[in-house]
Amino acid sequence: MEYVPWEKLVITDKQRESFNPEHAVDIIESFHPGVHHPVCVALFNGEYIIWDGHHSAVVAFKTGMPKAPCVIFECDTIEDFQTLLDADTHIKFDEQQLMIMFSEFLAED
């Protein structure tokens, strides 16, 4: 985990094309800094390339974070970088799954 200055982050054309302002607004409306997702960044040839979380980056910027909270993956080859791009990173939990995960903390004495 590292906080990266905004001016060092770059996005791909694919992310620029897939950016959905309404999705960013939805995230901002329910924003809480305690559950904000970090931006996933590949450090490749000295560039901090966002490969997942471009909406989260915009939300972090718009809510006043001084730097982007990032998980950095160092890539030495284009194959390393491609492995990141192919990874499935979208995980959501429903309320029942969350209750199971936190049941031992919610149990009353």
PDB file of N, CA and C in Angstrom:
ATOM      1  N   MET A   1       0.853  -1.169   0.000  1.00  0.00           N
ATOM      2  CA  MET A   1       0.000   0.000   0.000  1.00  0.00           C
ATOM      3  C   MET A   1       0.896   1.227   0.000  1.00  0.00           C
ATOM      4  N   GLU A   2       0.557   2.157  -0.840  1.00  0.00           N
ATOM      5  CA  GLU A   2       1.344   3.379  -0.971  1.00  0.00           C
ATOM      6  C   GLU A   2       0.408   4.514  -1.385  1.00  0.00           C
ATOM      7  N   TYR A   3       0.693   5.702  -0.930  1.00  0.00           N
ATOM      8  CA  TYR A   3      -0.059   6.872  -1.370  1.00  0.00           C
ATOM      9  C   TYR A   3       0.735   7.545  -2.478  1.00  0.00           C
ATOM     10  N   VAL A   4       0.132   7.603  -3.669  1.00  0.00           N
ATOM     11  CA  VAL A   4       0.807   8.088  -4.863  1.00  0.00           C
ATOM     12  C   VAL A   4       0.268   9.471  -5.222  1.00  0.00           C
ATOM     13  N   PRO A   5       1.152  10.429  -5.503  1.00  0.00           N
ATOM     14  CA  PRO A   5       0.683  11.754  -5.939  1.00  0.00           C
ATOM     15  C   PRO A   5      -0.156  11.643  -7.212  1.00  0.00           C
ATOM     16  N   TRP A   6      -1.207  12.429  -7.294  1.00  0.00           N
ATOM     17  CA  TRP A   6      -2.134  12.373  -8.418  1.00  0.00           C
ATOM     18  C   TRP A   6      -1.435  12.524  -9.759  1.00  0.00           C
ATOM     19  N   GLU A   7      -0.459  13.420  -9.830  1.00  0.00           N
ATOM     20  CA  GLU A   7       0.179  13.711 -11.115  1.00  0.00           C
ATOM     21  C   GLU A   7       1.024  12.550 -11.643  1.00  0.00           C
ATOM     22  N   LYS A   8       1.296  11.550 -10.808  1.00  0.00           N
ATOM     23  CA  LYS A   8       2.079  10.395 -11.254  1.00  0.00           C
ATOM     24  C   LYS A   8       1.217   9.269 -11.820  1.00  0.00           C
ATOM     25  N   LEU A   9      -0.084   9.325 -11.607  1.00  0.00           N
ATOM     26  CA  LEU A   9      -0.970   8.261 -12.067  1.00  0.00           C
ATOM     27  C   LEU A   9      -1.342   8.451 -13.528  1.00  0.00           C
ATOM     28  N   VAL A  10      -1.372   7.342 -14.262  1.00  0.00           N
ATOM     29  CA  VAL A  10      -1.821   7.368 -15.651  1.00  0.00           C
ATOM     30  C   VAL A  10      -2.898   6.308 -15.844  1.00  0.00           C
ATOM     31  N   ILE A  11      -3.775   6.539 -16.818  1.00  0.00           N
ATOM     32  CA  ILE A  11      -4.814   5.565 -17.135  1.00  0.00           C
ATOM     33  C   ILE A  11      -4.657   5.124 -18.578  1.00  0.00           C
ATOM     34  N   THR A  12      -5.279   4.018 -18.890  1.00  0.00           N
ATOM     35  CA  THR A  12      -5.244   3.507 -20.256  1.00  0.00           C
ATOM     36  C   THR A  12      -6.414   4.087 -21.045  1.00  0.00           C
ATOM     37  N   ASP A  13      -6.336   3.988 -22.363  1.00  0.00           N
ATOM     38  CA  ASP A  13      -7.440   4.434 -23.213  1.00  0.00           C
ATOM     39  C   ASP A  13      -8.713   3.655 -22.889  1.00  0.00           C
ATOM     40  N   LYS A  14      -8.566   2.363 -22.587  1.00  0.00           N
ATOM     41  CA  LYS A  14      -9.725   1.526 -22.249  1.00  0.00           C
ATOM     42  C   LYS A  14     -10.456   2.085 -21.019  1.00  0.00           C
ATOM     43  N   GLN A  15      -9.700   2.509 -20.009  1.00  0.00           N
ATOM     44  CA  GLN A  15     -10.329   3.072 -18.819  1.00  0.00           C
ATOM     45  C   GLN A  15     -10.996   4.410 -19.132  1.00  0.00           C
ATOM     46  N   ARG A  16     -10.347   5.209 -19.931  1.00  0.00           N
ATOM     47  CA  ARG A  16     -10.925   6.497 -20.307  1.00  0.00           C
ATOM     48  C   ARG A  16     -12.267   6.271 -21.010  1.00  0.00           C
ATOM     49  N   GLU A  17     -12.313   5.287 -21.896  1.00  0.00           N
ATOM     50  CA  GLU A  17     -13.537   4.987 -22.636  1.00  0.00           C
ATOM     51  C   GLU A  17     -14.626   4.385 -21.742  1.00  0.00           C
ATOM     52  N   SER A  18     -14.220   3.614 -20.728  1.00  0.00           N
ATOM     53  CA  SER A  18     -15.210   2.940 -19.882  1.00  0.00           C
ATOM     54  C   SER A  18     -15.624   3.766 -18.665  1.00  0.00           C
ATOM     55  N   PHE A  19     -15.035   4.943 -18.486  1.00  0.00           N
ATOM     56  CA  PHE A  19     -15.382   5.744 -17.317  1.00  0.00           C
ATOM     57  C   PHE A  19     -16.852   6.146 -17.381  1.00  0.00           C
ATOM     58  N   ASN A  20     -17.538   5.930 -16.263  1.00  0.00           N
ATOM     59  CA  ASN A  20     -18.959   6.228 -16.161  1.00  0.00           C
ATOM     60  C   ASN A  20     -19.157   7.261 -15.051  1.00  0.00           C
ATOM     61  N   PRO A  21     -19.410   8.528 -15.401  1.00  0.00           N
ATOM     62  CA  PRO A  21     -19.582   9.565 -14.372  1.00  0.00           C
ATOM     63  C   PRO A  21     -20.688   9.252 -13.372  1.00  0.00           C
ATOM     64  N   GLU A  22     -21.773   8.621 -13.842  1.00  0.00           N
ATOM     65  CA  GLU A  22     -22.869   8.283 -12.926  1.00  0.00           C
ATOM     66  C   GLU A  22     -22.417   7.294 -11.863  1.00  0.00           C
ATOM     67  N   HIS A  23     -21.561   6.354 -12.255  1.00  0.00           N
ATOM     68  CA  HIS A  23     -21.034   5.384 -11.289  1.00  0.00           C
ATOM     69  C   HIS A  23     -20.184   6.097 -10.236  1.00  0.00           C
ATOM     70  N   ALA A  24     -19.369   7.043 -10.663  1.00  0.00           N
ATOM     71  CA  ALA A  24     -18.552   7.805  -9.709  1.00  0.00           C
ATOM     72  C   ALA A  24     -19.443   8.595  -8.758  1.00  0.00           C
ATOM     73  N   VAL A  25     -20.508   9.190  -9.260  1.00  0.00           N
ATOM     74  CA  VAL A  25     -21.444   9.935  -8.403  1.00  0.00           C
ATOM     75  C   VAL A  25     -22.092   8.998  -7.394  1.00  0.00           C
ATOM     76  N   ASP A  26     -22.497   7.803  -7.833  1.00  0.00           N
ATOM     77  CA  ASP A  26     -23.086   6.820  -6.915  1.00  0.00           C
ATOM     78  C   ASP A  26     -22.114   6.475  -5.788  1.00  0.00           C
ATOM     79  N   ILE A  27     -20.849   6.294  -6.130  1.00  0.00           N
ATOM     80  CA  ILE A  27     -19.844   5.977  -5.107  1.00  0.00           C
ATOM     81  C   ILE A  27     -19.690   7.142  -4.142  1.00  0.00           C
ATOM     82  N   ILE A  28     -19.624   8.349  -4.665  1.00  0.00           N
ATOM     83  CA  ILE A  28     -19.467   9.537  -3.812  1.00  0.00           C
ATOM     84  C   ILE A  28     -20.640   9.682  -2.863  1.00  0.00           C
ATOM     85  N   GLU A  29     -21.855   9.404  -3.343  1.00  0.00           N
ATOM     86  CA  GLU A  29     -23.050   9.557  -2.502  1.00  0.00           C
ATOM     87  C   GLU A  29     -23.037   8.611  -1.305  1.00  0.00           C
ATOM     88  N   SER A  30     -22.404   7.456  -1.437  1.00  0.00           N
ATOM     89  CA  SER A  30     -22.346   6.517  -0.306  1.00  0.00           C
ATOM     90  C   SER A  30     -20.926   6.408   0.246  1.00  0.00           C
ATOM     91  N   PHE A  31     -20.112   7.411  -0.018  1.00  0.00           N
ATOM     92  CA  PHE A  31     -18.693   7.374   0.351  1.00  0.00           C
ATOM     93  C   PHE A  31     -18.492   7.341   1.862  1.00  0.00           C
ATOM     94  N   HIS A  32     -17.602   6.475   2.287  1.00  0.00           N
ATOM     95  CA  HIS A  32     -17.107   6.449   3.666  1.00  0.00           C
ATOM     96  C   HIS A  32     -15.623   6.097   3.575  1.00  0.00           C
ATOM     97  N   PRO A  33     -14.735   6.932   4.133  1.00  0.00           N
ATOM     98  CA  PRO A  33     -13.296   6.675   3.982  1.00  0.00           C
ATOM     99  C   PRO A  33     -12.836   5.350   4.569  1.00  0.00           C
ATOM    100  N   GLY A  34     -13.575   4.795   5.510  1.00  0.00           N
ATOM    101  CA  GLY A  34     -13.184   3.529   6.123  1.00  0.00           C
ATOM    102  C   GLY A  34     -13.358   2.331   5.217  1.00  0.00           C
ATOM    103  N   VAL A  35     -14.159   2.463   4.168  1.00  0.00           N
ATOM    104  CA  VAL A  35     -14.381   1.346   3.261  1.00  0.00           C
ATOM    105  C   VAL A  35     -14.029   1.701   1.825  1.00  0.00           C
ATOM    106  N   HIS A  36     -13.302   2.771   1.649  1.00  0.00           N
ATOM    107  CA  HIS A  36     -12.912   3.180   0.299  1.00  0.00           C
ATOM    108  C   HIS A  36     -11.894   2.194  -0.267  1.00  0.00           C
ATOM    109  N   HIS A  37     -12.130   1.749  -1.489  1.00  0.00           N
ATOM    110  CA  HIS A  37     -11.239   0.796  -2.136  1.00  0.00           C
ATOM    111  C   HIS A  37      -9.974   1.483  -2.628  1.00  0.00           C
ATOM    112  N   PRO A  38      -8.816   0.883  -2.386  1.00  0.00           N
ATOM    113  CA  PRO A  38      -7.597   1.457  -2.955  1.00  0.00           C
ATOM    114  C   PRO A  38      -7.572   1.247  -4.464  1.00  0.00           C
ATOM    115  N   VAL A  39      -6.790   2.051  -5.119  1.00  0.00           N
ATOM    116  CA  VAL A  39      -6.602   1.945  -6.557  1.00  0.00           C
ATOM    117  C   VAL A  39      -5.511   0.909  -6.817  1.00  0.00           C
ATOM    118  N   CYS A  40      -5.724   0.030  -7.771  1.00  0.00           N
ATOM    119  CA  CYS A  40      -4.717  -0.971  -8.116  1.00  0.00           C
ATOM    120  C   CYS A  40      -3.847  -0.420  -9.237  1.00  0.00           C
ATOM    121  N   VAL A  41      -2.547  -0.369  -8.978  1.00  0.00           N
ATOM    122  CA  VAL A  41      -1.608   0.280  -9.886  1.00  0.00           C
ATOM    123  C   VAL A  41      -0.477  -0.688 -10.227  1.00  0.00           C
ATOM    124  N   ALA A  42      -0.113  -0.708 -11.500  1.00  0.00           N
ATOM    125  CA  ALA A  42       1.058  -1.454 -11.951  1.00  0.00           C
ATOM    126  C   ALA A  42       2.196  -0.460 -12.115  1.00  0.00           C
ATOM    127  N   LEU A  43       3.308  -0.729 -11.452  1.00  0.00           N
ATOM    128  CA  LEU A  43       4.511   0.075 -11.643  1.00  0.00           C
ATOM    129  C   LEU A  43       5.304  -0.604 -12.748  1.00  0.00           C
ATOM    130  N   PHE A  44       5.244  -0.021 -13.935  1.00  0.00           N
ATOM    131  CA  PHE A  44       5.820  -0.625 -15.132  1.00  0.00           C
ATOM    132  C   PHE A  44       6.637   0.421 -15.870  1.00  0.00           C
ATOM    133  N   ASN A  45       7.931   0.161 -16.027  1.00  0.00           N
ATOM    134  CA  ASN A  45       8.835   1.106 -16.704  1.00  0.00           C
ATOM    135  C   ASN A  45       8.770   2.503 -16.092  1.00  0.00           C
ATOM    136  N   GLY A  46       8.656   2.563 -14.769  1.00  0.00           N
ATOM    137  CA  GLY A  46       8.635   3.842 -14.079  1.00  0.00           C
ATOM    138  C   GLY A  46       7.302   4.562 -14.101  1.00  0.00           C
ATOM    139  N   GLU A  47       6.286   3.972 -14.704  1.00  0.00           N
ATOM    140  CA  GLU A  47       4.948   4.571 -14.783  1.00  0.00           C
ATOM    141  C   GLU A  47       4.012   3.896 -13.788  1.00  0.00           C
ATOM    142  N   TYR A  48       3.178   4.692 -13.123  1.00  0.00           N
ATOM    143  CA  TYR A  48       2.144   4.185 -12.228  1.00  0.00           C
ATOM    144  C   TYR A  48       0.854   4.100 -13.038  1.00  0.00           C
ATOM    145  N   ILE A  49       0.569   2.907 -13.565  1.00  0.00           N
ATOM    146  CA  ILE A  49      -0.561   2.719 -14.466  1.00  0.00           C
ATOM    147  C   ILE A  49      -1.735   2.113 -13.693  1.00  0.00           C
ATOM    148  N   ILE A  50      -2.844   2.836 -13.654  1.00  0.00           N
ATOM    149  CA  ILE A  50      -4.041   2.313 -12.986  1.00  0.00           C
ATOM    150  C   ILE A  50      -4.602   1.192 -13.852  1.00  0.00           C
ATOM    151  N   TRP A  51      -4.738  -0.001 -13.269  1.00  0.00           N
ATOM    152  CA  TRP A  51      -5.307  -1.113 -14.022  1.00  0.00           C
ATOM    153  C   TRP A  51      -6.656  -1.538 -13.461  1.00  0.00           C
ATOM    154  N   ASP A  52      -6.986  -1.076 -12.256  1.00  0.00           N
ATOM    155  CA  ASP A  52      -8.304  -1.333 -11.685  1.00  0.00           C
ATOM    156  C   ASP A  52      -8.575  -0.247 -10.654  1.00  0.00           C
ATOM    157  N   GLY A  53      -9.774   0.298 -10.691  1.00  0.00           N
ATOM    158  CA  GLY A  53     -10.141   1.281  -9.685  1.00  0.00           C
ATOM    159  C   GLY A  53     -10.093   2.720 -10.161  1.00  0.00           C
ATOM    160  N   HIS A  54     -10.270   2.943 -11.456  1.00  0.00           N
ATOM    161  CA  HIS A  54     -10.231   4.318 -11.935  1.00  0.00           C
ATOM    162  C   HIS A  54     -11.399   5.134 -11.390  1.00  0.00           C
ATOM    163  N   HIS A  55     -12.540   4.505 -11.127  1.00  0.00           N
ATOM    164  CA  HIS A  55     -13.641   5.225 -10.488  1.00  0.00           C
ATOM    165  C   HIS A  55     -13.283   5.562  -9.033  1.00  0.00           C
ATOM    166  N   SER A  56     -12.646   4.621  -8.341  1.00  0.00           N
ATOM    167  CA  SER A  56     -12.210   4.878  -6.960  1.00  0.00           C
ATOM    168  C   SER A  56     -11.197   6.010  -6.903  1.00  0.00           C
ATOM    169  N   ALA A  57     -10.329   6.090  -7.898  1.00  0.00           N
ATOM    170  CA  ALA A  57      -9.344   7.179  -7.942  1.00  0.00           C
ATOM    171  C   ALA A  57     -10.040   8.525  -8.061  1.00  0.00           C
ATOM    172  N   VAL A  58     -11.039   8.603  -8.917  1.00  0.00           N
ATOM    173  CA  VAL A  58     -11.775   9.864  -9.089  1.00  0.00           C
ATOM    174  C   VAL A  58     -12.489  10.243  -7.795  1.00  0.00           C
ATOM    175  N   VAL A  59     -13.093   9.259  -7.141  1.00  0.00           N
ATOM    176  CA  VAL A  59     -13.788   9.525  -5.878  1.00  0.00           C
ATOM    177  C   VAL A  59     -12.803  10.018  -4.823  1.00  0.00           C
ATOM    178  N   ALA A  60     -11.659   9.380  -4.719  1.00  0.00           N
ATOM    179  CA  ALA A  60     -10.647   9.810  -3.749  1.00  0.00           C
ATOM    180  C   ALA A  60     -10.222  11.251  -4.025  1.00  0.00           C
ATOM    181  N   PHE A  61     -10.021  11.575  -5.279  1.00  0.00           N
ATOM    182  CA  PHE A  61      -9.625  12.934  -5.655  1.00  0.00           C
ATOM    183  C   PHE A  61     -10.731  13.937  -5.331  1.00  0.00           C
ATOM    184  N   LYS A  62     -11.968  13.611  -5.730  1.00  0.00           N
ATOM    185  CA  LYS A  62     -13.093  14.532  -5.540  1.00  0.00           C
ATOM    186  C   LYS A  62     -13.463  14.719  -4.069  1.00  0.00           C
ATOM    187  N   THR A  63     -13.133  13.750  -3.216  1.00  0.00           N
ATOM    188  CA  THR A  63     -13.447  13.888  -1.789  1.00  0.00           C
ATOM    189  C   THR A  63     -12.294  14.519  -1.007  1.00  0.00           C
ATOM    190  N   GLY A  64     -11.257  14.958  -1.727  1.00  0.00           N
ATOM    191  CA  GLY A  64     -10.197  15.735  -1.096  1.00  0.00           C
ATOM    192  C   GLY A  64      -8.998  14.979  -0.576  1.00  0.00           C
ATOM    193  N   MET A  65      -8.858  13.716  -0.922  1.00  0.00           N
ATOM    194  CA  MET A  65      -7.665  12.992  -0.472  1.00  0.00           C
ATOM    195  C   MET A  65      -6.436  13.621  -1.135  1.00  0.00           C
ATOM    196  N   PRO A  66      -5.380  13.883  -0.365  1.00  0.00           N
ATOM    197  CA  PRO A  66      -4.207  14.562  -0.937  1.00  0.00           C
ATOM    198  C   PRO A  66      -3.404  13.703  -1.914  1.00  0.00           C
ATOM    199  N   LYS A  67      -3.491  12.387  -1.775  1.00  0.00           N
ATOM    200  CA  LYS A  67      -2.825  11.445  -2.675  1.00  0.00           C
ATOM    201  C   LYS A  67      -3.744  10.240  -2.852  1.00  0.00           C
ATOM    202  N   ALA A  68      -3.473   9.467  -3.872  1.00  0.00           N
ATOM    203  CA  ALA A  68      -4.295   8.286  -4.142  1.00  0.00           C
ATOM    204  C   ALA A  68      -3.823   7.093  -3.325  1.00  0.00           C
ATOM    205  N   PRO A  69      -4.737   6.455  -2.572  1.00  0.00           N
ATOM    206  CA  PRO A  69      -4.368   5.224  -1.880  1.00  0.00           C
ATOM    207  C   PRO A  69      -4.277   4.092  -2.898  1.00  0.00           C
ATOM    208  N   CYS A  70      -3.101   3.506  -3.039  1.00  0.00           N
ATOM    209  CA  CYS A  70      -2.861   2.522  -4.102  1.00  0.00           C
ATOM    210  C   CYS A  70      -2.218   1.254  -3.575  1.00  0.00           C
ATOM    211  N   VAL A  71      -2.609   0.153  -4.172  1.00  0.00           N
ATOM    212  CA  VAL A  71      -1.887  -1.097  -4.023  1.00  0.00           C
ATOM    213  C   VAL A  71      -1.007  -1.175  -5.257  1.00  0.00           C
ATOM    214  N   ILE A  72       0.307  -1.261  -5.046  1.00  0.00           N
ATOM    215  CA  ILE A  72       1.268  -1.222  -6.138  1.00  0.00           C
ATOM    216  C   ILE A  72       1.753  -2.633  -6.459  1.00  0.00           C
ATOM    217  N   PHE A  73       1.696  -2.980  -7.725  1.00  0.00           N
ATOM    218  CA  PHE A  73       2.233  -4.244  -8.205  1.00  0.00           C
ATOM    219  C   PHE A  73       3.359  -3.925  -9.180  1.00  0.00           C
ATOM    220  N   GLU A  74       4.582  -4.305  -8.826  1.00  0.00           N
ATOM    221  CA  GLU A  74       5.711  -4.039  -9.707  1.00  0.00           C
ATOM    222  C   GLU A  74       5.730  -5.080 -10.823  1.00  0.00           C
ATOM    223  N   CYS A  75       5.794  -4.598 -12.045  1.00  0.00           N
ATOM    224  CA  CYS A  75       5.804  -5.466 -13.225  1.00  0.00           C
ATOM    225  C   CYS A  75       7.107  -5.241 -13.981  1.00  0.00           C
ATOM    226  N   ASP A  76       7.830  -6.325 -14.201  1.00  0.00           N
ATOM    227  CA  ASP A  76       9.090  -6.235 -14.939  1.00  0.00           C
ATOM    228  C   ASP A  76       8.912  -6.485 -16.430  1.00  0.00           C
ATOM    229  N   THR A  77       7.837  -7.191 -16.784  1.00  0.00           N
ATOM    230  CA  THR A  77       7.622  -7.532 -18.184  1.00  0.00           C
ATOM    231  C   THR A  77       6.192  -7.210 -18.577  1.00  0.00           C
ATOM    232  N   ILE A  78       5.952  -7.170 -19.869  1.00  0.00           N
ATOM    233  CA  ILE A  78       4.597  -6.955 -20.358  1.00  0.00           C
ATOM    234  C   ILE A  78       3.699  -8.133 -19.980  1.00  0.00           C
ATOM    235  N   GLU A  79       4.283  -9.319 -19.846  1.00  0.00           N
ATOM    236  CA  GLU A  79       3.504 -10.486 -19.429  1.00  0.00           C
ATOM    237  C   GLU A  79       3.005 -10.322 -17.990  1.00  0.00           C
ATOM    238  N   ASP A  80       3.868  -9.784 -17.104  1.00  0.00           N
ATOM    239  CA  ASP A  80       3.445  -9.503 -15.730  1.00  0.00           C
ATOM    240  C   ASP A  80       2.256  -8.547 -15.721  1.00  0.00           C
ATOM    241  N   PHE A  81       2.364  -7.501 -16.544  1.00  0.00           N
ATOM    242  CA  PHE A  81       1.300  -6.509 -16.614  1.00  0.00           C
ATOM    243  C   PHE A  81       0.021  -7.129 -17.171  1.00  0.00           C
ATOM    244  N   GLN A  82       0.130  -7.959 -18.187  1.00  0.00           N
ATOM    245  CA  GLN A  82      -1.041  -8.600 -18.779  1.00  0.00           C
ATOM    246  C   GLN A  82      -1.739  -9.496 -17.770  1.00  0.00           C
ATOM    247  N   THR A  83      -0.970 -10.169 -16.907  1.00  0.00           N
ATOM    248  CA  THR A  83      -1.557 -11.007 -15.867  1.00  0.00           C
ATOM    249  C   THR A  83      -2.469 -10.180 -14.965  1.00  0.00           C
ATOM    250  N   LEU A  84      -2.043  -8.962 -14.638  1.00  0.00           N
ATOM    251  CA  LEU A  84      -2.883  -8.078 -13.822  1.00  0.00           C
ATOM    252  C   LEU A  84      -4.148  -7.688 -14.562  1.00  0.00           C
ATOM    253  N   LEU A  85      -4.015  -7.360 -15.836  1.00  0.00           N
ATOM    254  CA  LEU A  85      -5.172  -6.939 -16.618  1.00  0.00           C
ATOM    255  C   LEU A  85      -6.200  -8.049 -16.760  1.00  0.00           C
ATOM    256  N   ASP A  86      -5.740  -9.299 -16.739  1.00  0.00           N
ATOM    257  CA  ASP A  86      -6.641 -10.444 -16.893  1.00  0.00           C
ATOM    258  C   ASP A  86      -7.296 -10.873 -15.578  1.00  0.00           C
ATOM    259  N   ALA A  87      -6.832 -10.348 -14.456  1.00  0.00           N
ATOM    260  CA  ALA A  87      -7.338 -10.777 -13.149  1.00  0.00           C
ATOM    261  C   ALA A  87      -8.762 -10.278 -12.920  1.00  0.00           C
ATOM    262  N   ASP A  88      -9.580 -11.108 -12.301  1.00  0.00           N
ATOM    263  CA  ASP A  88     -10.933 -10.732 -11.918  1.00  0.00           C
ATOM    264  C   ASP A  88     -10.852 -10.087 -10.538  1.00  0.00           C
ATOM    265  N   THR A  89     -11.131  -8.799 -10.467  1.00  0.00           N
ATOM    266  CA  THR A  89     -10.962  -8.083  -9.202  1.00  0.00           C
ATOM    267  C   THR A  89     -12.269  -7.567  -8.634  1.00  0.00           C
ATOM    268  N   HIS A  90     -13.384  -7.910  -9.244  1.00  0.00           N
ATOM    269  CA  HIS A  90     -14.669  -7.363  -8.808  1.00  0.00           C
ATOM    270  C   HIS A  90     -15.307  -8.307  -7.797  1.00  0.00           C
ATOM    271  N   ILE A  91     -15.315  -7.904  -6.546  1.00  0.00           N
ATOM    272  CA  ILE A  91     -15.877  -8.734  -5.482  1.00  0.00           C
ATOM    273  C   ILE A  91     -16.916  -7.912  -4.730  1.00  0.00           C
ATOM    274  N   LYS A  92     -18.093  -8.474  -4.564  1.00  0.00           N
ATOM    275  CA  LYS A  92     -19.132  -7.826  -3.771  1.00  0.00           C
ATOM    276  C   LYS A  92     -19.706  -8.864  -2.822  1.00  0.00           C
ATOM    277  N   PHE A  93     -20.110  -8.410  -1.651  1.00  0.00           N
ATOM    278  CA  PHE A  93     -20.731  -9.279  -0.671  1.00  0.00           C
ATOM    279  C   PHE A  93     -22.152  -8.808  -0.443  1.00  0.00           C
ATOM    280  N   ASP A  94     -23.062  -9.765  -0.286  1.00  0.00           N
ATOM    281  CA  ASP A  94     -24.410  -9.365   0.083  1.00  0.00           C
ATOM    282  C   ASP A  94     -24.505  -9.339   1.614  1.00  0.00           C
ATOM    283  N   GLU A  95     -25.625  -8.865   2.130  1.00  0.00           N
ATOM    284  CA  GLU A  95     -25.774  -8.689   3.578  1.00  0.00           C
ATOM    285  C   GLU A  95     -25.629 -10.004   4.336  1.00  0.00           C
ATOM    286  N   GLN A  96     -26.168 -11.090   3.792  1.00  0.00           N
ATOM    287  CA  GLN A  96     -26.064 -12.378   4.466  1.00  0.00           C
ATOM    288  C   GLN A  96     -24.606 -12.832   4.571  1.00  0.00           C
ATOM    289  N   GLN A  97     -23.828 -12.664   3.504  1.00  0.00           N
ATOM    290  CA  GLN A  97     -22.419 -13.032   3.541  1.00  0.00           C
ATOM    291  C   GLN A  97     -21.666 -12.196   4.569  1.00  0.00           C
ATOM    292  N   LEU A  98     -21.975 -10.923   4.648  1.00  0.00           N
ATOM    293  CA  LEU A  98     -21.312 -10.061   5.629  1.00  0.00           C
ATOM    294  C   LEU A  98     -21.649 -10.487   7.057  1.00  0.00           C
ATOM    295  N   MET A  99     -22.909 -10.854   7.295  1.00  0.00           N
ATOM    296  CA  MET A  99     -23.313 -11.299   8.631  1.00  0.00           C
ATOM    297  C   MET A  99     -22.551 -12.567   9.018  1.00  0.00           C
ATOM    298  N   ILE A 100     -22.365 -13.483   8.098  1.00  0.00           N
ATOM    299  CA  ILE A 100     -21.612 -14.704   8.374  1.00  0.00           C
ATOM    300  C   ILE A 100     -20.155 -14.360   8.677  1.00  0.00           C
ATOM    301  N   MET A 101     -19.570 -13.486   7.878  1.00  0.00           N
ATOM    302  CA  MET A 101     -18.162 -13.119   8.068  1.00  0.00           C
ATOM    303  C   MET A 101     -17.916 -12.475   9.429  1.00  0.00           C
ATOM    304  N   PHE A 102     -18.866 -11.661   9.883  1.00  0.00           N
ATOM    305  CA  PHE A 102     -18.663 -10.913  11.112  1.00  0.00           C
ATOM    306  C   PHE A 102     -19.458 -11.462  12.291  1.00  0.00           C
ATOM    307  N   SER A 103     -20.009 -12.666  12.163  1.00  0.00           N
ATOM    308  CA  SER A 103     -20.886 -13.209  13.197  1.00  0.00           C
ATOM    309  C   SER A 103     -20.200 -13.326  14.555  1.00  0.00           C
ATOM    310  N   GLU A 104     -18.917 -13.685  14.578  1.00  0.00           N
ATOM    311  CA  GLU A 104     -18.274 -13.827  15.883  1.00  0.00           C
ATOM    312  C   GLU A 104     -18.094 -12.468  16.575  1.00  0.00           C
ATOM    313  N   PHE A 105     -18.033 -11.398  15.804  1.00  0.00           N
ATOM    314  CA  PHE A 105     -17.884 -10.073  16.384  1.00  0.00           C
ATOM    315  C   PHE A 105     -19.227  -9.493  16.789  1.00  0.00           C
ATOM    316  N   LEU A 106     -20.310  -9.997  16.184  1.00  0.00           N
ATOM    317  CA  LEU A 106     -21.644  -9.486  16.475  1.00  0.00           C
ATOM    318  C   LEU A 106     -22.346 -10.271  17.563  1.00  0.00           C
ATOM    319  N   ALA A 107     -21.787 -11.414  17.967  1.00  0.00           N
ATOM    320  CA  ALA A 107     -22.421 -12.253  18.985  1.00  0.00           C
ATOM    321  C   ALA A 107     -22.509 -11.516  20.302  1.00  0.00           C
ATOM    322  N   GLU A 108     -23.699 -11.595  20.914  1.00  0.00           N
ATOM    323  CA  GLU A 108     -23.874 -10.953  22.223  1.00  0.00           C
ATOM    324  C   GLU A 108     -23.445 -11.905  23.317  1.00  0.00           C
ATOM    325  N   ASP A 109     -22.853 -11.337  24.343  1.00  0.00           N
ATOM    326  CA  ASP A 109     -22.403 -12.161  25.489  1.00  0.00           C
ATOM    327  C   ASP A 109     -23.552 -12.501  26.398  1.00  0.00           C
TER     328      ASP A 109
END
